[in-house]
Amino acid sequence: MCFQVFLSNRLGAAGMGLLQLVAAVGFFASTVGSAGVRTASMYLAAEEYGARRPGGMRLSLRCCLIYGSLMSLLAGTALFFCAEPIAAAWIGDSRAASSLRIYAVFLPASCLWSVMAGYFTACSRLRQLVLAEFADQAISLGLTAALLLFWAGNSTELSCCAVMLGNGIATVLTLGLLLAQEAASRLPPAPEGLRMWRRLTRLCVPLAVSDITRSGLSTAEHLLIPRGLGACGSSPERAMAAYGTIHGMVFPVLMFPSVLISSLADLLVPELARCRAAKQTARIRALSDRCLRLGLIFAAAVAGLFASTADPLGRLLYHSTEAGYYLRCFSPLVLILYLDAMVDGMHKGLGQQVFCARVNLLTSALDVALLLVLLPRYGIAGYFFCFTATRALNFLLSILRLYSVAGTDAQLSLPLKAIGCGGAAAALALRVPAAVPLPGCLARAAVFCGTFLLLLRLTRALRRSDLLRLGAALAAGKTG
């Protein structure tokens, strides 16, 4: 997130908008290249791990790597040779072509990295994976900063290329590290009759269709936003700047605390897959219930904190009152976005990939349709409505399905308590003056956190036993 602030100050809002569009097209190409193999790698390895078949784990990884290599090479080649027409026709800026080509060169390594990450997560080798991720971030940020400072200059095109080069080189180096670690481990041969390719295909085909369709619709959504804002009356530069402010400045800050939710969701996939294979329904129900409770409280805390500190935080990080305004507008949606990420991880662990594919396809198609109708007429207000409506529908359908599959009971008292505590604490924090950004931001954050924790204790919305039981459940999953 700190590096995103550095990028925004160097590229400006319009440059960040162009970089986000390049990343959106690149993400679509990566989705085509991976074709569902990351989740398949995690799920298959978790099943073999739970069945005490270490040779099967190695076999699942080998099949996933072969599959991922073939698909990612095809996707990378297509992106490389189609970079210029995509930049001209889709993005509307020929300067994006060189960045897309660089992204295409490193796309196979990126897809294989995701396979290794899923495999290491499923096998509970989290320490090795975390070290590799730290190394990847350090190399990527260091190389990108050096290229921006000593090579790119003030050129937006070269700056985008610098970001792609830094990320790509770091991915190649740390992928080699992960492969070397796996090659050094000695595992017995796989037993007969596992039918790994059939299992892999059965998982990857629906996942690939879902992921590619959803990613394609998401990419279309990103490409529609600056065009729709331009049709609403904004100049191309202002439209790109507004898009860059929201997606390049506000969303990185808004989603930064979600790394905790995402990490927990990744841990839940193999853990729930093992519980499902062992038919431990009581454990599934208890683990799902506790994760939802803690996730809701955490999301309420983050939403209230951003709502109360949005204005000084926008001025502090980006020297922009517009960024602070958008941050406050989108902060209540943290409740939906964070919990939806956790629920999605639970569904993957419980074998509900086909259902998730249908829901994601429905809401993504609805999102594009609404943007086509509302964005040219209402501008940013239309985009906010589309974003809120489709994410809320996705979350509602997903959480209802989870209640049915996991056997978890819906409880209205906890959401009301958590949201009430967050809203009351944010309202009190907003009364603190924040004319100077840094002291004002810290003062409001302190008032909010103190008030929120006090209200949680008074309403008994958070119990110490929840934290202890969740930690024990995940620890048992790692050592089980």
Protein backbone atom coordinates (compact mmCIF):
# COMPACT_ATOMS: atom_id res chain seq x y z
CA MET A 1 0.00 0.00 0.00
CA CYS A 2 2.87 2.35 0.82
CA PHE A 3 4.37 1.62 -2.57
CA GLN A 4 1.01 2.38 -4.18
CA VAL A 5 1.19 5.82 -2.58
CA PHE A 6 4.67 6.27 -4.06
CA LEU A 7 3.37 5.23 -7.49
CA SER A 8 0.38 7.56 -7.34
CA ASN A 9 2.56 10.52 -6.43
CA ARG A 10 4.91 9.72 -9.30
CA LEU A 11 2.40 8.83 -12.03
CA GLY A 12 -0.51 11.05 -11.05
CA ALA A 13 -4.18 10.09 -11.15
CA ALA A 14 -4.33 9.71 -14.94
CA GLY A 15 -1.16 7.59 -15.01
CA MET A 16 -2.56 5.39 -12.26
CA GLY A 17 -5.71 4.98 -14.33
CA LEU A 18 -3.69 3.75 -17.32
CA LEU A 19 -1.71 1.38 -15.09
CA GLN A 20 -4.94 -0.03 -13.64
CA LEU A 21 -6.34 -0.68 -17.12
CA VAL A 22 -3.14 -2.51 -18.10
CA ALA A 23 -3.39 -4.55 -14.91
CA ALA A 24 -7.05 -5.36 -15.63
CA VAL A 25 -6.23 -6.73 -19.09
CA GLY A 26 -3.22 -8.57 -17.67
CA PHE A 27 -5.34 -10.10 -14.94
CA PHE A 28 -7.74 -11.41 -17.54
CA ALA A 29 -4.86 -12.99 -19.46
CA SER A 30 -3.54 -14.53 -16.22
CA THR A 31 -6.98 -15.94 -15.46
CA VAL A 32 -7.09 -17.55 -18.89
CA GLY A 33 -3.56 -18.87 -18.38
CA SER A 34 -4.21 -20.37 -14.96
CA ALA A 35 -7.68 -21.69 -15.93
CA GLY A 36 -8.67 -22.59 -12.38
CA VAL A 37 -5.48 -24.48 -11.59
CA ARG A 38 -4.57 -22.57 -8.41
CA THR A 39 -7.71 -23.65 -6.58
CA ALA A 40 -7.40 -27.13 -8.07
CA SER A 41 -3.82 -27.36 -6.82
CA MET A 42 -4.87 -26.38 -3.32
CA TYR A 43 -7.91 -28.65 -3.25
CA LEU A 44 -6.21 -31.78 -4.65
CA ALA A 45 -3.15 -31.42 -2.43
CA ALA A 46 -5.39 -30.89 0.62
CA GLU A 47 -7.31 -34.08 -0.17
CA GLU A 48 -4.10 -36.09 -0.50
CA TYR A 49 -2.69 -34.46 2.63
CA GLY A 50 -5.82 -35.37 4.58
CA ALA A 51 -5.69 -38.93 3.26
CA ARG A 52 -2.04 -39.30 4.38
CA ARG A 53 -0.78 -39.87 0.82
CA PRO A 54 2.37 -37.73 0.43
CA GLY A 55 3.11 -39.32 -2.93
CA GLY A 56 -0.31 -38.23 -4.12
CA MET A 57 0.50 -34.67 -3.09
CA ARG A 58 3.58 -34.66 -5.31
CA LEU A 59 1.58 -36.19 -8.18
CA SER A 60 -1.12 -33.53 -7.87
CA LEU A 61 1.51 -30.79 -8.03
CA ARG A 62 3.17 -32.33 -11.10
CA CYS A 63 -0.13 -32.53 -12.98
CA CYS A 64 -1.07 -28.98 -12.02
CA LEU A 65 2.30 -27.62 -13.13
CA ILE A 66 2.04 -29.34 -16.52
CA TYR A 67 -1.51 -28.11 -17.01
CA GLY A 68 -0.62 -24.59 -15.88
CA SER A 69 2.44 -24.43 -18.13
CA LEU A 70 0.50 -25.35 -21.26
CA MET A 71 -2.39 -22.99 -20.61
CA SER A 72 -0.23 -20.04 -19.52
CA LEU A 73 2.08 -20.36 -22.55
CA LEU A 74 -0.93 -20.19 -24.86
CA ALA A 75 -2.38 -17.17 -23.03
CA GLY A 76 0.97 -15.37 -22.87
CA THR A 77 1.64 -15.89 -26.58
CA ALA A 78 -1.80 -14.57 -27.51
CA LEU A 79 -1.37 -11.49 -25.31
CA PHE A 80 2.11 -10.75 -26.69
CA PHE A 81 1.04 -10.70 -30.33
CA CYS A 82 -2.28 -8.95 -29.69
CA ALA A 83 -0.85 -6.23 -27.43
CA GLU A 84 -1.11 -3.38 -29.95
CA PRO A 85 -4.74 -3.95 -31.04
CA ILE A 86 -5.77 -4.49 -27.40
CA ALA A 87 -4.08 -1.24 -26.36
CA ALA A 88 -5.68 0.70 -29.19
CA ALA A 89 -9.17 -0.81 -29.24
CA TRP A 90 -9.75 -1.86 -25.62
CA ILE A 91 -7.70 0.53 -23.49
CA GLY A 92 -7.78 3.41 -25.95
CA ASP A 93 -4.11 4.31 -25.42
CA SER A 94 -1.31 2.91 -27.57
CA ARG A 95 1.21 3.52 -24.75
CA ALA A 96 -0.14 0.42 -23.01
CA ALA A 97 1.14 -1.98 -25.70
CA SER A 98 4.71 -2.25 -24.41
CA SER A 99 3.53 -2.95 -20.85
CA LEU A 100 1.19 -5.66 -22.09
CA ARG A 101 4.04 -7.36 -23.95
CA ILE A 102 6.19 -7.37 -20.84
CA TYR A 103 3.29 -8.79 -18.85
CA ALA A 104 2.88 -11.53 -21.47
CA VAL A 105 6.53 -12.60 -21.23
CA PHE A 106 6.27 -13.20 -17.49
CA LEU A 107 2.71 -14.57 -17.49
CA PRO A 108 3.69 -18.30 -17.38
CA ALA A 109 5.88 -17.71 -14.33
CA SER A 110 3.05 -15.86 -12.61
CA CYS A 111 0.59 -18.71 -13.22
CA LEU A 112 3.04 -21.36 -11.98
CA TRP A 113 3.71 -19.23 -8.89
CA SER A 114 0.02 -19.38 -8.06
CA VAL A 115 0.10 -23.19 -8.41
CA MET A 116 3.00 -23.43 -5.97
CA ALA A 117 1.27 -21.06 -3.55
CA GLY A 118 -1.87 -23.20 -3.53
CA TYR A 119 0.17 -26.36 -3.03
CA PHE A 120 2.28 -24.98 -0.16
CA THR A 121 -0.86 -23.64 1.55
CA ALA A 122 -2.62 -27.00 1.31
CA CYS A 123 0.42 -28.83 2.70
CA SER A 124 0.68 -26.43 5.68
CA ARG A 125 4.14 -25.27 4.58
CA LEU A 126 3.20 -21.70 5.32
CA ARG A 127 6.54 -20.56 6.69
CA GLN A 128 8.31 -21.36 3.41
CA LEU A 129 5.54 -19.71 1.42
CA VAL A 130 5.58 -16.55 3.54
CA LEU A 131 9.34 -16.23 3.18
CA ALA A 132 9.01 -16.55 -0.59
CA GLU A 133 6.25 -13.94 -0.64
CA PHE A 134 8.36 -11.53 1.41
CA ALA A 135 11.26 -12.06 -0.98
CA ASP A 136 8.96 -11.51 -3.96
CA GLN A 137 7.67 -8.24 -2.53
CA ALA A 138 11.11 -6.97 -1.58
CA ILE A 139 12.62 -7.74 -4.99
CA SER A 140 9.61 -6.37 -6.85
CA LEU A 141 9.46 -3.10 -4.93
CA GLY A 142 13.21 -2.58 -5.05
CA LEU A 143 13.52 -3.21 -8.79
CA THR A 144 10.45 -1.17 -9.64
CA ALA A 145 11.58 1.79 -7.55
CA ALA A 146 15.05 1.68 -9.15
CA LEU A 147 13.60 1.53 -12.67
CA LEU A 148 11.21 4.38 -11.95
CA LEU A 149 13.91 6.61 -10.49
CA PHE A 150 16.79 5.89 -12.90
CA TRP A 151 15.16 4.76 -16.15
CA ALA A 152 11.50 5.75 -16.59
CA GLY A 153 11.84 9.45 -15.88
CA ASN A 154 8.59 11.36 -16.40
CA SER A 155 7.32 9.01 -19.12
CA THR A 156 4.00 7.35 -18.24
CA GLU A 157 4.64 4.56 -20.76
CA LEU A 158 8.06 3.71 -19.32
CA SER A 159 6.72 3.96 -15.77
CA CYS A 160 4.09 1.32 -16.53
CA CYS A 161 6.80 -0.84 -18.12
CA ALA A 162 8.94 -0.45 -15.00
CA VAL A 163 6.14 -1.77 -12.81
CA MET A 164 5.63 -4.80 -15.06
CA LEU A 165 9.37 -5.53 -15.25
CA GLY A 166 9.86 -5.31 -11.50
CA ASN A 167 6.94 -7.63 -10.78
CA GLY A 168 7.91 -10.10 -13.50
CA ILE A 169 11.57 -10.48 -12.55
CA ALA A 170 10.67 -10.94 -8.88
CA THR A 171 8.14 -13.63 -9.82
CA VAL A 172 10.69 -15.60 -11.84
CA LEU A 173 13.30 -15.49 -9.08
CA THR A 174 10.99 -16.53 -6.26
CA LEU A 175 9.30 -19.21 -8.39
CA GLY A 176 12.73 -20.79 -8.75
CA LEU A 177 13.08 -20.65 -4.97
CA LEU A 178 9.76 -22.46 -4.41
CA LEU A 179 10.54 -25.11 -7.02
CA ALA A 180 13.95 -25.72 -5.46
CA GLN A 181 12.40 -26.15 -2.01
CA GLU A 182 9.91 -28.67 -3.33
CA ALA A 183 12.56 -30.58 -5.28
CA ALA A 184 14.64 -30.89 -2.11
CA SER A 185 11.79 -32.63 -0.24
CA ARG A 186 11.76 -36.40 -0.56
CA LEU A 187 8.32 -37.90 -0.97
CA PRO A 188 7.40 -41.51 -1.73
CA PRO A 189 5.88 -42.44 -5.11
CA ALA A 190 2.16 -42.01 -5.58
CA PRO A 191 -0.06 -45.06 -5.07
CA GLU A 192 -1.97 -46.50 -7.99
CA GLY A 193 -5.55 -45.63 -8.87
CA LEU A 194 -5.60 -41.95 -7.92
CA ARG A 195 -6.81 -40.85 -11.39
CA MET A 196 -5.27 -37.46 -10.80
CA TRP A 197 -5.78 -36.09 -14.31
CA ARG A 198 -9.48 -36.93 -14.21
CA ARG A 199 -9.87 -35.23 -10.83
CA LEU A 200 -7.89 -32.23 -12.04
CA THR A 201 -10.03 -31.87 -15.16
CA ARG A 202 -13.24 -32.22 -13.18
CA LEU A 203 -12.14 -29.32 -10.97
CA CYS A 204 -10.48 -27.09 -13.54
CA VAL A 205 -13.11 -27.09 -16.26
CA PRO A 206 -15.93 -25.47 -14.20
CA LEU A 207 -13.45 -23.25 -12.39
CA ALA A 208 -11.87 -22.14 -15.67
CA VAL A 209 -15.23 -21.34 -17.25
CA SER A 210 -16.29 -19.40 -14.18
CA ASP A 211 -13.01 -17.56 -13.63
CA ILE A 212 -12.50 -16.65 -17.28
CA THR A 213 -16.06 -15.47 -17.72
CA ARG A 214 -16.02 -13.47 -14.53
CA SER A 215 -12.57 -12.03 -15.23
CA GLY A 216 -13.64 -11.10 -18.75
CA LEU A 217 -16.70 -9.31 -17.42
CA SER A 218 -14.58 -7.63 -14.74
CA THR A 219 -12.10 -6.45 -17.36
CA ALA A 220 -14.98 -5.15 -19.46
CA GLU A 221 -16.23 -3.33 -16.37
CA HIS A 222 -12.86 -1.64 -15.85
CA LEU A 223 -12.64 -0.64 -19.50
CA LEU A 224 -16.19 0.74 -19.45
CA ILE A 225 -15.65 3.04 -16.47
CA PRO A 226 -13.43 5.74 -18.05
CA ARG A 227 -15.42 5.56 -21.29
CA GLY A 228 -18.71 5.86 -19.43
CA LEU A 229 -17.46 8.80 -17.41
CA GLY A 230 -16.33 10.44 -20.63
CA ALA A 231 -19.80 9.90 -22.13
CA CYS A 232 -21.27 11.57 -19.03
CA GLY A 233 -19.47 14.80 -19.93
CA SER A 234 -15.95 14.44 -18.52
CA SER A 235 -12.91 14.95 -20.71
CA PRO A 236 -10.82 11.80 -21.41
CA GLU A 237 -8.10 13.05 -19.05
CA ARG A 238 -10.54 13.78 -16.22
CA ALA A 239 -12.34 10.48 -16.75
CA MET A 240 -9.05 8.57 -16.55
CA ALA A 241 -8.06 10.59 -13.47
CA ALA A 242 -11.34 9.78 -11.69
CA TYR A 243 -10.92 6.09 -12.52
CA GLY A 244 -7.32 6.18 -11.33
CA THR A 245 -8.30 7.90 -8.07
CA ILE A 246 -10.87 5.24 -7.20
CA HIS A 247 -9.08 2.10 -8.36
CA GLY A 248 -5.46 3.20 -8.03
CA MET A 249 -5.64 5.19 -4.79
CA VAL A 250 -8.81 4.47 -2.81
CA PHE A 251 -9.21 0.72 -3.31
CA PRO A 252 -5.60 -0.18 -2.36
CA VAL A 253 -6.12 1.60 0.97
CA LEU A 254 -9.62 0.20 1.42
CA MET A 255 -8.54 -3.38 0.77
CA PHE A 256 -5.20 -3.27 2.58
CA PRO A 257 -6.52 -4.71 5.89
CA SER A 258 -8.25 -7.48 3.94
CA VAL A 259 -4.92 -9.32 3.73
CA LEU A 260 -5.84 -10.79 7.12
CA ILE A 261 -9.21 -11.98 5.80
CA SER A 262 -7.63 -13.32 2.62
CA SER A 263 -5.01 -15.23 4.58
CA LEU A 264 -7.69 -16.79 6.76
CA ALA A 265 -9.76 -17.64 3.69
CA ASP A 266 -6.76 -19.40 2.12
CA LEU A 267 -6.26 -21.42 5.30
CA LEU A 268 -9.92 -22.36 5.38
CA VAL A 269 -9.85 -23.96 1.91
CA PRO A 270 -7.58 -26.93 2.78
CA GLU A 271 -8.90 -27.17 6.35
CA LEU A 272 -12.55 -27.41 5.30
CA ALA A 273 -11.60 -29.76 2.44
CA ARG A 274 -9.97 -32.11 4.96
CA CYS A 275 -13.01 -31.87 7.26
CA ARG A 276 -15.33 -32.56 4.36
CA ALA A 277 -13.29 -35.59 3.28
CA ALA A 278 -13.41 -36.91 6.86
CA LYS A 279 -17.16 -36.05 7.17
CA GLN A 280 -16.57 -33.91 10.28
CA THR A 281 -19.79 -31.91 10.01
CA ALA A 282 -19.68 -30.61 13.59
CA ARG A 283 -16.19 -29.18 13.05
CA ILE A 284 -17.25 -27.56 9.77
CA ARG A 285 -20.22 -25.91 11.45
CA ALA A 286 -18.24 -24.66 14.43
CA LEU A 287 -15.32 -23.36 12.36
CA SER A 288 -17.61 -21.60 9.89
CA ASP A 289 -19.60 -19.96 12.67
CA ARG A 290 -16.53 -18.61 14.48
CA CYS A 291 -14.88 -17.34 11.33
CA LEU A 292 -18.02 -15.48 10.31
CA ARG A 293 -18.35 -13.92 13.77
CA LEU A 294 -14.75 -12.70 13.88
CA GLY A 295 -14.78 -11.65 10.23
CA LEU A 296 -17.87 -9.52 10.79
CA ILE A 297 -16.37 -7.74 13.80
CA PHE A 298 -13.10 -7.13 11.95
CA ALA A 299 -14.94 -5.76 8.88
CA ALA A 300 -17.06 -3.48 11.08
CA ALA A 301 -13.90 -2.14 12.72
CA VAL A 302 -12.19 -1.42 9.40
CA ALA A 303 -15.32 0.16 7.89
CA GLY A 304 -15.77 2.49 10.86
CA LEU A 305 -12.07 3.36 11.00
CA PHE A 306 -11.96 4.38 7.34
CA ALA A 307 -15.24 6.28 7.59
CA SER A 308 -13.89 8.38 10.46
CA THR A 309 -10.36 8.98 9.07
CA ALA A 310 -11.11 9.21 5.33
CA ASP A 311 -10.64 12.97 4.90
CA PRO A 312 -7.31 13.40 6.73
CA LEU A 313 -6.06 10.07 5.33
CA GLY A 314 -6.72 11.18 1.74
CA ARG A 315 -4.86 14.43 2.31
CA LEU A 316 -2.03 12.67 4.13
CA LEU A 317 -1.39 9.92 1.57
CA TYR A 318 -2.32 11.53 -1.74
CA HIS A 319 -2.70 15.26 -0.99
CA SER A 320 -6.20 14.85 -2.41
CA THR A 321 -9.55 15.72 -0.86
CA GLU A 322 -11.22 13.78 -3.69
CA ALA A 323 -9.50 10.56 -2.60
CA GLY A 324 -10.72 11.10 0.96
CA TYR A 325 -14.28 11.71 -0.26
CA TYR A 326 -14.35 8.47 -2.28
CA LEU A 327 -12.75 6.56 0.59
CA ARG A 328 -15.57 7.61 2.90
CA CYS A 329 -18.21 6.73 0.30
CA PHE A 330 -16.86 3.21 -0.23
CA SER A 331 -15.94 2.46 3.41
CA PRO A 332 -19.34 0.92 4.38
CA LEU A 333 -18.88 -1.63 1.59
CA VAL A 334 -15.99 -3.15 3.54
CA LEU A 335 -18.60 -5.17 5.42
CA ILE A 336 -19.65 -6.87 2.19
CA LEU A 337 -16.27 -7.13 0.47
CA TYR A 338 -14.35 -8.62 3.39
CA LEU A 339 -17.00 -11.14 4.41
CA ASP A 340 -17.58 -12.17 0.81
CA ALA A 341 -13.89 -13.06 0.48
CA MET A 342 -14.11 -15.27 3.56
CA VAL A 343 -17.34 -16.93 2.43
CA ASP A 344 -15.80 -17.59 -0.98
CA GLY A 345 -12.89 -19.41 0.68
CA MET A 346 -15.31 -21.53 2.69
CA HIS A 347 -17.24 -22.48 -0.44
CA LYS A 348 -14.06 -23.60 -2.17
CA GLY A 349 -13.17 -25.79 0.79
CA LEU A 350 -16.67 -27.31 0.86
CA GLY A 351 -16.68 -28.20 -2.83
CA GLN A 352 -19.14 -25.50 -3.92
CA GLN A 353 -17.12 -24.28 -6.89
CA VAL A 354 -19.94 -24.77 -9.40
CA PHE A 355 -22.36 -22.74 -7.29
CA CYS A 356 -19.79 -19.95 -6.89
CA ALA A 357 -19.25 -19.98 -10.64
CA ARG A 358 -22.95 -19.45 -11.30
CA VAL A 359 -23.29 -16.65 -8.77
CA ASN A 360 -20.16 -14.86 -9.98
CA LEU A 361 -21.28 -15.13 -13.58
CA LEU A 362 -24.73 -13.75 -12.75
CA THR A 363 -23.50 -10.76 -10.74
CA SER A 364 -20.67 -9.90 -13.15
CA ALA A 365 -23.03 -9.90 -16.13
CA LEU A 366 -25.48 -7.76 -14.16
CA ASP A 367 -22.68 -5.36 -13.26
CA VAL A 368 -21.69 -4.82 -16.90
CA ALA A 369 -25.32 -4.37 -17.94
CA LEU A 370 -25.95 -1.78 -15.22
CA LEU A 371 -22.77 0.10 -16.10
CA LEU A 372 -23.77 0.33 -19.73
CA VAL A 373 -27.10 1.86 -18.74
CA LEU A 374 -26.29 4.01 -15.70
CA LEU A 375 -22.69 5.17 -16.10
CA PRO A 376 -23.16 7.46 -19.14
CA ARG A 377 -26.19 9.06 -17.47
CA TYR A 378 -25.22 9.37 -13.80
CA GLY A 379 -21.41 9.19 -13.83
CA ILE A 380 -19.69 8.27 -10.56
CA ALA A 381 -23.04 7.97 -8.75
CA GLY A 382 -24.13 5.36 -11.28
CA TYR A 383 -20.89 3.44 -10.81
CA PHE A 384 -21.29 3.47 -7.04
CA PHE A 385 -24.83 2.12 -7.31
CA CYS A 386 -23.75 -0.66 -9.71
CA PHE A 387 -20.82 -1.63 -7.50
CA THR A 388 -22.93 -1.74 -4.35
CA ALA A 389 -25.91 -3.57 -5.82
CA THR A 390 -23.99 -6.38 -7.51
CA ARG A 391 -21.60 -7.00 -4.59
CA ALA A 392 -24.51 -7.08 -2.14
CA LEU A 393 -26.41 -9.56 -4.31
CA ASN A 394 -23.33 -11.77 -4.65
CA PHE A 395 -22.77 -11.79 -0.90
CA LEU A 396 -26.43 -12.48 -0.10
CA LEU A 397 -26.61 -15.50 -2.39
CA SER A 398 -23.26 -16.83 -1.15
CA ILE A 399 -23.99 -16.49 2.57
CA LEU A 400 -27.41 -18.15 2.23
CA ARG A 401 -25.79 -21.08 0.44
CA LEU A 402 -23.12 -21.34 3.13
CA TYR A 403 -25.76 -21.50 5.87
CA SER A 404 -27.35 -24.41 4.00
CA VAL A 405 -24.15 -26.36 3.25
CA ALA A 406 -22.28 -25.83 6.52
CA GLY A 407 -25.35 -26.04 8.75
CA THR A 408 -24.59 -22.67 10.33
CA ASP A 409 -27.50 -20.73 11.81
CA ALA A 410 -28.09 -17.12 10.80
CA GLN A 411 -27.87 -14.76 13.78
CA LEU A 412 -29.11 -11.19 13.40
CA SER A 413 -28.05 -9.98 16.83
CA LEU A 414 -24.31 -10.05 16.13
CA PRO A 415 -24.44 -8.07 12.85
CA LEU A 416 -26.62 -5.45 14.50
CA LYS A 417 -24.25 -5.19 17.47
CA ALA A 418 -21.09 -5.02 15.35
CA ILE A 419 -22.48 -2.46 12.90
CA GLY A 420 -23.98 -0.42 15.72
CA CYS A 421 -20.70 -0.36 17.64
CA GLY A 422 -18.76 0.65 14.53
CA GLY A 423 -21.23 3.35 13.57
CA ALA A 424 -21.39 4.88 17.04
CA ALA A 425 -17.59 4.86 17.41
CA ALA A 426 -17.15 6.45 13.96
CA ALA A 427 -19.72 9.16 14.74
CA LEU A 428 -17.85 10.07 17.92
CA ALA A 429 -14.45 10.05 16.17
CA LEU A 430 -15.72 12.39 13.45
CA ARG A 431 -16.22 15.08 16.07
CA VAL A 432 -12.44 15.25 16.60
CA PRO A 433 -10.86 18.14 14.58
CA ALA A 434 -8.58 17.03 11.74
CA ALA A 435 -7.32 20.23 10.13
CA VAL A 436 -3.73 18.91 10.15
CA PRO A 437 -3.78 15.49 8.40
CA LEU A 438 -1.37 13.36 10.46
CA PRO A 439 -2.35 14.43 14.01
CA GLY A 440 -6.01 14.51 13.03
CA CYS A 441 -5.87 11.03 11.51
CA LEU A 442 -4.11 9.57 14.57
CA ALA A 443 -6.48 11.29 16.99
CA ARG A 444 -9.59 10.08 15.20
CA ALA A 445 -8.19 6.55 14.91
CA ALA A 446 -7.42 6.49 18.65
CA VAL A 447 -10.89 7.70 19.60
CA PHE A 448 -12.54 5.22 17.25
CA CYS A 449 -10.52 2.20 18.39
CA GLY A 450 -10.99 2.95 22.08
CA THR A 451 -14.71 3.55 21.73
CA PHE A 452 -15.24 0.52 19.47
CA LEU A 453 -13.47 -1.87 21.86
CA LEU A 454 -15.39 -0.47 24.82
CA LEU A 455 -18.72 -0.91 23.03
CA LEU A 456 -17.82 -4.45 21.97
CA ARG A 457 -17.12 -5.29 25.60
CA LEU A 458 -20.33 -3.66 26.85
CA THR A 459 -22.50 -5.40 24.26
CA ARG A 460 -20.58 -8.70 24.57
CA ALA A 461 -20.34 -8.89 20.80
CA LEU A 462 -16.83 -10.38 20.99
CA ARG A 463 -15.94 -13.11 23.42
CA ARG A 464 -12.42 -14.16 24.30
CA SER A 465 -13.43 -17.79 23.80
CA ASP A 466 -14.05 -17.09 20.08
CA LEU A 467 -10.43 -16.07 19.54
CA LEU A 468 -9.07 -19.00 21.55
CA ARG A 469 -11.24 -21.59 19.81
CA LEU A 470 -10.48 -20.27 16.34
CA GLY A 471 -6.75 -20.33 17.02
CA ALA A 472 -6.98 -23.86 18.39
CA ALA A 473 -9.01 -25.05 15.38
CA LEU A 474 -6.55 -23.68 12.85
CA ALA A 475 -3.58 -24.99 14.85
CA ALA A 476 -5.16 -28.43 14.91
CA GLY A 477 -5.66 -28.24 11.15
CA LYS A 478 -1.97 -27.44 10.63
CA THR A 479 -0.77 -30.34 12.75
CA GLY A 480 -3.56 -32.79 11.99
